[in-house]
Amino acid sequence: MFLTRHRIVDFRNIRGNRQDFVETFPDEGEIDLLRVMQILRDTGYEGMVVPDHEPQTPGGPEQVDAFQYGYIRGLLQAVGRLE
């Protein structure tokens, strides 16, 4: 078994189910990502949280990345992981 110290949670949100879904922005999907972030905090998770699979927009991938990283930062602030 290979073990690594690098832990990553791919943060994404969807509408639909596992077999038939549409990727959404993190604040538009069915998953309560604030609750997910609270669970990560409460369980002592110390790894990375990064955006994963994003919807396409006319503003391009840079605009989507900026929004997603900002959203994750806001969630980290909300659960007290950032000052």
C-alpha atoms as a PDB file:
ATOM      1  CA  MET A   1       0.000   0.000   0.000  1.00  0.00           C
ATOM      2  CA  PHE A   2       1.280   3.427  -0.947  1.00  0.00           C
ATOM      3  CA  LEU A   3       0.641   6.169   1.601  1.00  0.00           C
ATOM      4  CA  THR A   4       1.141   9.856   1.018  1.00  0.00           C
ATOM      5  CA  ARG A   5       1.052  12.920   3.211  1.00  0.00           C
ATOM      6  CA  HIS A   6      -0.525  14.952   0.438  1.00  0.00           C
ATOM      7  CA  ARG A   7      -4.267  15.036   0.878  1.00  0.00           C
ATOM      8  CA  ILE A   8      -6.554  16.851  -1.515  1.00  0.00           C
ATOM      9  CA  VAL A   9     -10.312  17.326  -1.519  1.00  0.00           C
ATOM     10  CA  ASP A  10     -11.628  18.164  -4.984  1.00  0.00           C
ATOM     11  CA  PHE A  11     -14.392  20.670  -4.291  1.00  0.00           C
ATOM     12  CA  ARG A  12     -17.250  20.706  -6.802  1.00  0.00           C
ATOM     13  CA  ASN A  13     -20.997  20.919  -6.945  1.00  0.00           C
ATOM     14  CA  ILE A  14     -23.596  19.414  -9.266  1.00  0.00           C
ATOM     15  CA  ARG A  15     -27.289  19.267 -10.027  1.00  0.00           C
ATOM     16  CA  GLY A  16     -28.698  15.820 -10.688  1.00  0.00           C
ATOM     17  CA  ASN A  17     -27.402  12.422  -9.680  1.00  0.00           C
ATOM     18  CA  ARG A  18     -24.313  10.318 -10.194  1.00  0.00           C
ATOM     19  CA  GLN A  19     -25.395   9.015 -13.604  1.00  0.00           C
ATOM     20  CA  ASP A  20     -27.045  12.199 -14.941  1.00  0.00           C
ATOM     21  CA  PHE A  21     -25.673  15.511 -13.686  1.00  0.00           C
ATOM     22  CA  VAL A  22     -24.707  19.023 -14.684  1.00  0.00           C
ATOM     23  CA  GLU A  23     -21.633  20.685 -13.208  1.00  0.00           C
ATOM     24  CA  THR A  24     -22.456  23.958 -11.464  1.00  0.00           C
ATOM     25  CA  PHE A  25     -20.725  26.765  -9.683  1.00  0.00           C
ATOM     26  CA  PRO A  26     -20.141  25.862  -6.024  1.00  0.00           C
ATOM     27  CA  ASP A  27     -23.008  28.056  -4.815  1.00  0.00           C
ATOM     28  CA  GLU A  28     -25.577  26.703  -7.305  1.00  0.00           C
ATOM     29  CA  GLY A  29     -25.540  22.946  -6.784  1.00  0.00           C
ATOM     30  CA  GLU A  30     -27.344  20.567  -4.485  1.00  0.00           C
ATOM     31  CA  ILE A  31     -24.463  19.900  -2.084  1.00  0.00           C
ATOM     32  CA  ASP A  32     -24.186  22.093   1.015  1.00  0.00           C
ATOM     33  CA  LEU A  33     -20.514  22.957   0.676  1.00  0.00           C
ATOM     34  CA  LEU A  34     -20.508  25.012   3.866  1.00  0.00           C
ATOM     35  CA  ARG A  35     -21.546  21.854   5.726  1.00  0.00           C
ATOM     36  CA  VAL A  36     -18.816  19.891   3.928  1.00  0.00           C
ATOM     37  CA  MET A  37     -16.243  22.468   5.028  1.00  0.00           C
ATOM     38  CA  GLN A  38     -17.548  22.267   8.612  1.00  0.00           C
ATOM     39  CA  ILE A  39     -17.160  18.473   8.539  1.00  0.00           C
ATOM     40  CA  LEU A  40     -13.597  18.793   7.236  1.00  0.00           C
ATOM     41  CA  ARG A  41     -12.833  21.214  10.086  1.00  0.00           C
ATOM     42  CA  ASP A  42     -14.537  19.076  12.741  1.00  0.00           C
ATOM     43  CA  THR A  43     -12.678  15.923  11.674  1.00  0.00           C
ATOM     44  CA  GLY A  44      -9.299  17.674  11.764  1.00  0.00           C
ATOM     45  CA  TYR A  45      -8.654  17.572   8.017  1.00  0.00           C
ATOM     46  CA  GLU A  46      -5.447  19.488   7.272  1.00  0.00           C
ATOM     47  CA  GLY A  47      -5.020  18.851   3.565  1.00  0.00           C
ATOM     48  CA  MET A  48      -5.781  20.969   0.532  1.00  0.00           C
ATOM     49  CA  VAL A  49      -9.195  21.925  -0.821  1.00  0.00           C
ATOM     50  CA  VAL A  50      -9.128  22.738  -4.544  1.00  0.00           C
ATOM     51  CA  PRO A  51     -11.717  23.431  -7.243  1.00  0.00           C
ATOM     52  CA  ASP A  52     -12.613  20.541  -9.519  1.00  0.00           C
ATOM     53  CA  HIS A  53     -14.597  20.403 -12.776  1.00  0.00           C
ATOM     54  CA  GLU A  54     -16.252  23.678 -13.470  1.00  0.00           C
ATOM     55  CA  PRO A  55     -18.999  24.889 -15.769  1.00  0.00           C
ATOM     56  CA  GLN A  56     -18.053  26.632 -19.010  1.00  0.00           C
ATOM     57  CA  THR A  57     -18.682  30.378 -19.192  1.00  0.00           C
ATOM     58  CA  PRO A  58     -18.087  33.132 -21.748  1.00  0.00           C
ATOM     59  CA  GLY A  59     -15.585  34.681 -19.292  1.00  0.00           C
ATOM     60  CA  GLY A  60     -13.295  31.693 -19.707  1.00  0.00           C
ATOM     61  CA  PRO A  61     -11.567  29.383 -17.242  1.00  0.00           C
ATOM     62  CA  GLU A  62      -9.658  32.143 -15.454  1.00  0.00           C
ATOM     63  CA  GLN A  63     -12.901  33.834 -14.422  1.00  0.00           C
ATOM     64  CA  VAL A  64     -14.338  30.541 -13.187  1.00  0.00           C
ATOM     65  CA  ASP A  65     -11.155  29.675 -11.279  1.00  0.00           C
ATOM     66  CA  ALA A  66     -11.116  33.089  -9.588  1.00  0.00           C
ATOM     67  CA  PHE A  67     -14.723  32.640  -8.465  1.00  0.00           C
ATOM     68  CA  GLN A  68     -14.163  29.102  -7.203  1.00  0.00           C
ATOM     69  CA  TYR A  69     -11.007  29.928  -5.237  1.00  0.00           C
ATOM     70  CA  GLY A  70     -12.747  32.969  -3.759  1.00  0.00           C
ATOM     71  CA  TYR A  71     -15.727  30.829  -2.776  1.00  0.00           C
ATOM     72  CA  ILE A  72     -13.490  28.264  -1.074  1.00  0.00           C
ATOM     73  CA  ARG A  73     -11.664  31.073   0.737  1.00  0.00           C
ATOM     74  CA  GLY A  74     -14.997  32.465   1.945  1.00  0.00           C
ATOM     75  CA  LEU A  75     -16.024  29.034   3.249  1.00  0.00           C
ATOM     76  CA  LEU A  76     -12.697  28.675   5.057  1.00  0.00           C
ATOM     77  CA  GLN A  77     -13.277  32.066   6.672  1.00  0.00           C
ATOM     78  CA  ALA A  78     -16.848  31.093   7.612  1.00  0.00           C
ATOM     79  CA  VAL A  79     -15.692  27.980   9.475  1.00  0.00           C
ATOM     80  CA  GLY A  80     -12.824  29.794  11.184  1.00  0.00           C
ATOM     81  CA  ARG A  81      -9.910  28.283   9.244  1.00  0.00           C
ATOM     82  CA  LEU A  82      -8.733  31.702   8.040  1.00  0.00           C
ATOM     83  CA  GLU A  83      -8.531  34.901  10.047  1.00  0.00           C
END
